[in-house]
Amino acid sequence: MYCPLLVAAVLLLLTDVAVGQEPRDPAEDAFATRRAYVEVGGNVAPVSINVDVRVAQGYALRFGAAFGPLSSTQGNQPTRPDTGRVRGPLRYLSGTLTVSRLLGASRTVLELGGGVMGRRNRTESADARPSTVGFTGILGVRLQPRRGGFGGRLAFTPLLDRRGVHAAAGLSVMYGLP
């Protein structure tokens, strides 16, 4: 169950050893060190808003937030025993913190990372689970934005929580903050 996270952690360590001795590429400075983006579908959330900051050469720290209603097919929703239908509307607020290793010095890079995601659920039902914390992984390709320009990301972002592993993929539109 924890195998994807273990594999991601080992890959991050190996990539740091393998490429950590590269000389600093001046071309990397052409790309934005701070990025804001909107992601559709990542981390099992319909839409999220994120800020991504390069904290060291080849490393990015991401803060994300998502909120909104969940449909009857998403999440761990309480159901009525007699009908099996959801009791009241379910709304959520989630926050994500991840660290990624960006491999490559060109505009297109491979992204490997992981982090934590917390989600607070609200519903009219008293028997709903109020919150959940999970671990997320990132395996993606990123088109880095230049300062003041646009870029994008396509990533596989599975979530592991007490209910199991939830596969998800996200498509992002990024803006490089000046």
C-alpha atoms as a PDB file:
ATOM      1  CA  MET A   1       0.000   0.000   0.000  1.00  0.00           C
ATOM      2  CA  TYR A   2       2.844   2.417   0.785  1.00  0.00           C
ATOM      3  CA  CYS A   3       4.887   1.093  -2.145  1.00  0.00           C
ATOM      4  CA  PRO A   4       4.261   4.075  -4.526  1.00  0.00           C
ATOM      5  CA  LEU A   5       5.473   6.537  -1.894  1.00  0.00           C
ATOM      6  CA  LEU A   6       8.524   4.428  -1.107  1.00  0.00           C
ATOM      7  CA  VAL A   7       9.408   4.173  -4.800  1.00  0.00           C
ATOM      8  CA  ALA A   8       8.978   7.955  -5.216  1.00  0.00           C
ATOM      9  CA  ALA A   9      11.224   8.652  -2.204  1.00  0.00           C
ATOM     10  CA  VAL A  10      13.962   6.328  -3.511  1.00  0.00           C
ATOM     11  CA  LEU A  11      13.762   7.918  -6.976  1.00  0.00           C
ATOM     12  CA  LEU A  12      14.091  11.396  -5.475  1.00  0.00           C
ATOM     13  CA  LEU A  13      17.184  10.354  -3.540  1.00  0.00           C
ATOM     14  CA  LEU A  14      18.764   8.636  -6.547  1.00  0.00           C
ATOM     15  CA  THR A  15      18.126  11.570  -8.867  1.00  0.00           C
ATOM     16  CA  ASP A  16      19.738  13.940  -6.387  1.00  0.00           C
ATOM     17  CA  VAL A  17      22.848  11.748  -6.273  1.00  0.00           C
ATOM     18  CA  ALA A  18      22.891  11.302 -10.050  1.00  0.00           C
ATOM     19  CA  VAL A  19      22.384  14.929 -11.085  1.00  0.00           C
ATOM     20  CA  GLY A  20      23.260  16.820  -7.909  1.00  0.00           C
ATOM     21  CA  GLN A  21      26.800  17.543  -9.079  1.00  0.00           C
ATOM     22  CA  GLU A  22      25.774  19.325 -12.286  1.00  0.00           C
ATOM     23  CA  PRO A  23      27.119  22.847 -12.675  1.00  0.00           C
ATOM     24  CA  ARG A  24      24.515  25.606 -12.387  1.00  0.00           C
ATOM     25  CA  ASP A  25      22.894  26.277 -15.750  1.00  0.00           C
ATOM     26  CA  PRO A  26      22.456  30.021 -16.395  1.00  0.00           C
ATOM     27  CA  ALA A  27      19.577  29.173 -18.761  1.00  0.00           C
ATOM     28  CA  GLU A  28      17.536  27.979 -15.755  1.00  0.00           C
ATOM     29  CA  ASP A  29      17.451  31.576 -14.501  1.00  0.00           C
ATOM     30  CA  ALA A  30      15.288  32.477 -17.507  1.00  0.00           C
ATOM     31  CA  PHE A  31      12.405  30.524 -15.980  1.00  0.00           C
ATOM     32  CA  ALA A  32      10.128  31.862 -13.285  1.00  0.00           C
ATOM     33  CA  THR A  33      11.116  30.934  -9.732  1.00  0.00           C
ATOM     34  CA  ARG A  34       7.520  31.483  -8.562  1.00  0.00           C
ATOM     35  CA  ARG A  35       4.537  30.085 -10.426  1.00  0.00           C
ATOM     36  CA  ALA A  36       0.799  30.321  -9.853  1.00  0.00           C
ATOM     37  CA  TYR A  37      -1.453  27.794 -11.522  1.00  0.00           C
ATOM     38  CA  VAL A  38      -4.875  26.245 -11.738  1.00  0.00           C
ATOM     39  CA  GLU A  39      -5.072  22.458 -11.892  1.00  0.00           C
ATOM     40  CA  VAL A  40      -8.018  20.401 -13.100  1.00  0.00           C
ATOM     41  CA  GLY A  41      -8.316  16.873 -11.700  1.00  0.00           C
ATOM     42  CA  GLY A  42      -5.160  16.589  -9.600  1.00  0.00           C
ATOM     43  CA  ASN A  43      -5.068  15.066  -6.093  1.00  0.00           C
ATOM     44  CA  VAL A  44      -8.629  13.780  -6.466  1.00  0.00           C
ATOM     45  CA  ALA A  45      -9.976  17.357  -6.469  1.00  0.00           C
ATOM     46  CA  PRO A  46     -11.989  18.755  -9.385  1.00  0.00           C
ATOM     47  CA  VAL A  47     -10.122  22.109  -9.419  1.00  0.00           C
ATOM     48  CA  SER A  48      -7.290  23.494  -7.294  1.00  0.00           C
ATOM     49  CA  ILE A  49      -5.349  26.742  -7.082  1.00  0.00           C
ATOM     50  CA  ASN A  50      -1.615  26.438  -6.432  1.00  0.00           C
ATOM     51  CA  VAL A  51       1.536  28.470  -5.848  1.00  0.00           C
ATOM     52  CA  ASP A  52       4.849  26.821  -6.651  1.00  0.00           C
ATOM     53  CA  VAL A  53       8.210  28.257  -5.534  1.00  0.00           C
ATOM     54  CA  ARG A  54      11.684  27.086  -6.541  1.00  0.00           C
ATOM     55  CA  VAL A  55      13.481  26.657  -3.213  1.00  0.00           C
ATOM     56  CA  ALA A  56      16.793  25.365  -4.594  1.00  0.00           C
ATOM     57  CA  GLN A  57      18.147  24.513  -8.001  1.00  0.00           C
ATOM     58  CA  GLY A  58      15.901  21.750  -9.319  1.00  0.00           C
ATOM     59  CA  TYR A  59      13.524  21.710  -6.315  1.00  0.00           C
ATOM     60  CA  ALA A  60      10.055  23.222  -6.035  1.00  0.00           C
ATOM     61  CA  LEU A  61       7.747  23.640  -3.046  1.00  0.00           C
ATOM     62  CA  ARG A  62       4.002  23.767  -3.775  1.00  0.00           C
ATOM     63  CA  PHE A  63       1.123  25.064  -1.680  1.00  0.00           C
ATOM     64  CA  GLY A  64      -2.344  24.287  -3.015  1.00  0.00           C
ATOM     65  CA  ALA A  65      -5.969  24.731  -2.044  1.00  0.00           C
ATOM     66  CA  ALA A  66      -9.192  23.287  -3.392  1.00  0.00           C
ATOM     67  CA  PHE A  67     -12.789  23.705  -2.321  1.00  0.00           C
ATOM     68  CA  GLY A  68     -16.261  22.979  -3.594  1.00  0.00           C
ATOM     69  CA  PRO A  69     -19.014  20.402  -3.699  1.00  0.00           C
ATOM     70  CA  LEU A  70     -18.413  16.702  -4.287  1.00  0.00           C
ATOM     71  CA  SER A  71     -20.651  14.726  -6.578  1.00  0.00           C
ATOM     72  CA  SER A  72     -22.307  11.516  -5.404  1.00  0.00           C
ATOM     73  CA  THR A  73     -19.514   9.468  -6.984  1.00  0.00           C
ATOM     74  CA  GLN A  74     -16.617  11.217  -5.222  1.00  0.00           C
ATOM     75  CA  GLY A  75     -15.214  10.963  -1.736  1.00  0.00           C
ATOM     76  CA  ASN A  76     -16.322   9.006   1.299  1.00  0.00           C
ATOM     77  CA  GLN A  77     -19.883  10.222   1.603  1.00  0.00           C
ATOM     78  CA  PRO A  78     -22.427   9.128   4.185  1.00  0.00           C
ATOM     79  CA  THR A  79     -25.498   7.437   2.760  1.00  0.00           C
ATOM     80  CA  ARG A  80     -28.960   6.784   4.055  1.00  0.00           C
ATOM     81  CA  PRO A  81     -29.367   3.097   4.972  1.00  0.00           C
ATOM     82  CA  ASP A  82     -32.839   2.909   3.423  1.00  0.00           C
ATOM     83  CA  THR A  83     -32.073   4.461   0.016  1.00  0.00           C
ATOM     84  CA  GLY A  84     -28.280   4.426  -0.278  1.00  0.00           C
ATOM     85  CA  ARG A  85     -28.372   8.116  -1.267  1.00  0.00           C
ATOM     86  CA  VAL A  86     -26.126  10.825   0.105  1.00  0.00           C
ATOM     87  CA  ARG A  87     -27.431  12.695   3.148  1.00  0.00           C
ATOM     88  CA  GLY A  88     -27.288  16.385   2.328  1.00  0.00           C
ATOM     89  CA  PRO A  89     -24.751  18.261   0.241  1.00  0.00           C
ATOM     90  CA  LEU A  90     -21.102  17.459   0.905  1.00  0.00           C
ATOM     91  CA  ARG A  91     -18.616  20.315   0.638  1.00  0.00           C
ATOM     92  CA  TYR A  92     -14.880  20.187   1.190  1.00  0.00           C
ATOM     93  CA  LEU A  93     -11.825  22.363   1.685  1.00  0.00           C
ATOM     94  CA  SER A  94      -8.385  20.858   1.115  1.00  0.00           C
ATOM     95  CA  GLY A  95      -4.792  21.963   1.364  1.00  0.00           C
ATOM     96  CA  THR A  96      -1.722  20.392  -0.216  1.00  0.00           C
ATOM     97  CA  LEU A  97       1.984  20.776   0.511  1.00  0.00           C
ATOM     98  CA  THR A  98       4.449  19.001  -1.803  1.00  0.00           C
ATOM     99  CA  VAL A  99       8.137  19.008  -2.658  1.00  0.00           C
ATOM    100  CA  SER A 100       9.194  18.145  -6.207  1.00  0.00           C
ATOM    101  CA  ARG A 101      12.460  17.385  -7.932  1.00  0.00           C
ATOM    102  CA  LEU A 102      12.547  19.002 -11.388  1.00  0.00           C
ATOM    103  CA  LEU A 103      14.847  17.041 -13.689  1.00  0.00           C
ATOM    104  CA  GLY A 104      16.229  18.853 -16.713  1.00  0.00           C
ATOM    105  CA  ALA A 105      17.510  22.332 -17.480  1.00  0.00           C
ATOM    106  CA  SER A 106      15.401  23.086 -20.534  1.00  0.00           C
ATOM    107  CA  ARG A 107      11.884  24.438 -20.635  1.00  0.00           C
ATOM    108  CA  THR A 108      10.428  20.898 -20.503  1.00  0.00           C
ATOM    109  CA  VAL A 109      11.299  18.985 -17.321  1.00  0.00           C
ATOM    110  CA  LEU A 110      10.337  15.748 -15.582  1.00  0.00           C
ATOM    111  CA  GLU A 111       8.737  16.274 -12.164  1.00  0.00           C
ATOM    112  CA  LEU A 112       9.001  13.716  -9.332  1.00  0.00           C
ATOM    113  CA  GLY A 113       7.634  14.575  -5.918  1.00  0.00           C
ATOM    114  CA  GLY A 114       5.437  13.888  -2.968  1.00  0.00           C
ATOM    115  CA  GLY A 115       3.763  15.485   0.000  1.00  0.00           C
ATOM    116  CA  VAL A 116       0.686  15.626   2.184  1.00  0.00           C
ATOM    117  CA  MET A 117      -2.898  16.638   1.565  1.00  0.00           C
ATOM    118  CA  GLY A 118      -5.484  17.384   4.210  1.00  0.00           C
ATOM    119  CA  ARG A 119      -9.188  17.650   3.484  1.00  0.00           C
ATOM    120  CA  ARG A 120     -12.043  18.885   5.653  1.00  0.00           C
ATOM    121  CA  ASN A 121     -15.489  17.592   4.665  1.00  0.00           C
ATOM    122  CA  ARG A 122     -18.775  19.225   5.682  1.00  0.00           C
ATOM    123  CA  THR A 123     -22.222  17.741   5.321  1.00  0.00           C
ATOM    124  CA  GLU A 124     -25.571  17.930   7.049  1.00  0.00           C
ATOM    125  CA  SER A 125     -25.134  14.378   8.309  1.00  0.00           C
ATOM    126  CA  ALA A 126     -23.746  13.798  11.806  1.00  0.00           C
ATOM    127  CA  ASP A 127     -22.081  10.501  10.845  1.00  0.00           C
ATOM    128  CA  ALA A 128     -19.786  11.924   8.136  1.00  0.00           C
ATOM    129  CA  ARG A 129     -16.022  11.723   8.564  1.00  0.00           C
ATOM    130  CA  PRO A 130     -15.055  15.352   9.173  1.00  0.00           C
ATOM    131  CA  SER A 131     -11.532  15.219   7.774  1.00  0.00           C
ATOM    132  CA  THR A 132      -8.850  13.094   6.207  1.00  0.00           C
ATOM    133  CA  VAL A 133      -5.080  13.356   5.728  1.00  0.00           C
ATOM    134  CA  GLY A 134      -3.277  11.539   2.967  1.00  0.00           C
ATOM    135  CA  PHE A 135       0.015  11.283   1.169  1.00  0.00           C
ATOM    136  CA  THR A 136       0.301  12.249  -2.468  1.00  0.00           C
ATOM    137  CA  GLY A 137       2.861  11.514  -5.147  1.00  0.00           C
ATOM    138  CA  ILE A 138       3.709  13.393  -8.339  1.00  0.00           C
ATOM    139  CA  LEU A 139       4.986  11.980 -11.606  1.00  0.00           C
ATOM    140  CA  GLY A 140       4.647  14.486 -14.401  1.00  0.00           C
ATOM    141  CA  VAL A 141       5.970  16.539 -17.261  1.00  0.00           C
ATOM    142  CA  ARG A 142       6.163  20.281 -16.909  1.00  0.00           C
ATOM    143  CA  LEU A 143       6.535  23.030 -19.503  1.00  0.00           C
ATOM    144  CA  GLN A 144       8.131  25.696 -17.313  1.00  0.00           C
ATOM    145  CA  PRO A 145       6.874  29.236 -17.757  1.00  0.00           C
ATOM    146  CA  ARG A 146       9.303  32.064 -18.295  1.00  0.00           C
ATOM    147  CA  ARG A 147       8.967  35.099 -16.039  1.00  0.00           C
ATOM    148  CA  GLY A 148       5.685  36.734 -16.984  1.00  0.00           C
ATOM    149  CA  GLY A 149       4.745  33.864 -19.330  1.00  0.00           C
ATOM    150  CA  PHE A 150       2.561  30.775 -19.454  1.00  0.00           C
ATOM    151  CA  GLY A 151       3.412  27.109 -19.118  1.00  0.00           C
ATOM    152  CA  GLY A 152       1.696  23.873 -18.159  1.00  0.00           C
ATOM    153  CA  ARG A 153       1.907  20.558 -16.392  1.00  0.00           C
ATOM    154  CA  LEU A 154       0.478  17.082 -16.932  1.00  0.00           C
ATOM    155  CA  ALA A 155       0.915  14.864 -13.869  1.00  0.00           C
ATOM    156  CA  PHE A 156      -0.175  11.592 -12.310  1.00  0.00           C
ATOM    157  CA  THR A 157      -1.007  12.504  -8.689  1.00  0.00           C
ATOM    158  CA  PRO A 158      -2.211   9.492  -6.675  1.00  0.00           C
ATOM    159  CA  LEU A 159      -3.486   9.969  -3.127  1.00  0.00           C
ATOM    160  CA  LEU A 160      -3.021   7.437  -0.329  1.00  0.00           C
ATOM    161  CA  ASP A 161      -5.287   7.856   2.714  1.00  0.00           C
ATOM    162  CA  ARG A 162      -7.064   5.628   5.226  1.00  0.00           C
ATOM    163  CA  ARG A 163      -9.536   4.551   2.540  1.00  0.00           C
ATOM    164  CA  GLY A 164      -6.839   3.303   0.177  1.00  0.00           C
ATOM    165  CA  VAL A 165      -5.082   4.505  -2.956  1.00  0.00           C
ATOM    166  CA  HIS A 166      -6.937   6.903  -5.261  1.00  0.00           C
ATOM    167  CA  ALA A 167      -5.462   7.351  -8.730  1.00  0.00           C
ATOM    168  CA  ALA A 168      -5.746  10.824 -10.223  1.00  0.00           C
ATOM    169  CA  ALA A 169      -4.205  12.887 -12.979  1.00  0.00           C
ATOM    170  CA  GLY A 170      -4.098  16.629 -13.309  1.00  0.00           C
ATOM    171  CA  LEU A 171      -3.737  19.117 -16.116  1.00  0.00           C
ATOM    172  CA  SER A 172      -2.421  22.550 -15.120  1.00  0.00           C
ATOM    173  CA  VAL A 173      -2.062  25.967 -16.674  1.00  0.00           C
ATOM    174  CA  MET A 174       0.812  27.909 -15.059  1.00  0.00           C
ATOM    175  CA  TYR A 175       1.761  31.562 -15.019  1.00  0.00           C
ATOM    176  CA  GLY A 176       5.329  32.560 -14.166  1.00  0.00           C
ATOM    177  CA  LEU A 177       5.221  35.364 -11.634  1.00  0.00           C
ATOM    178  CA  PRO A 178       7.662  38.221 -12.385  1.00  0.00           C
END
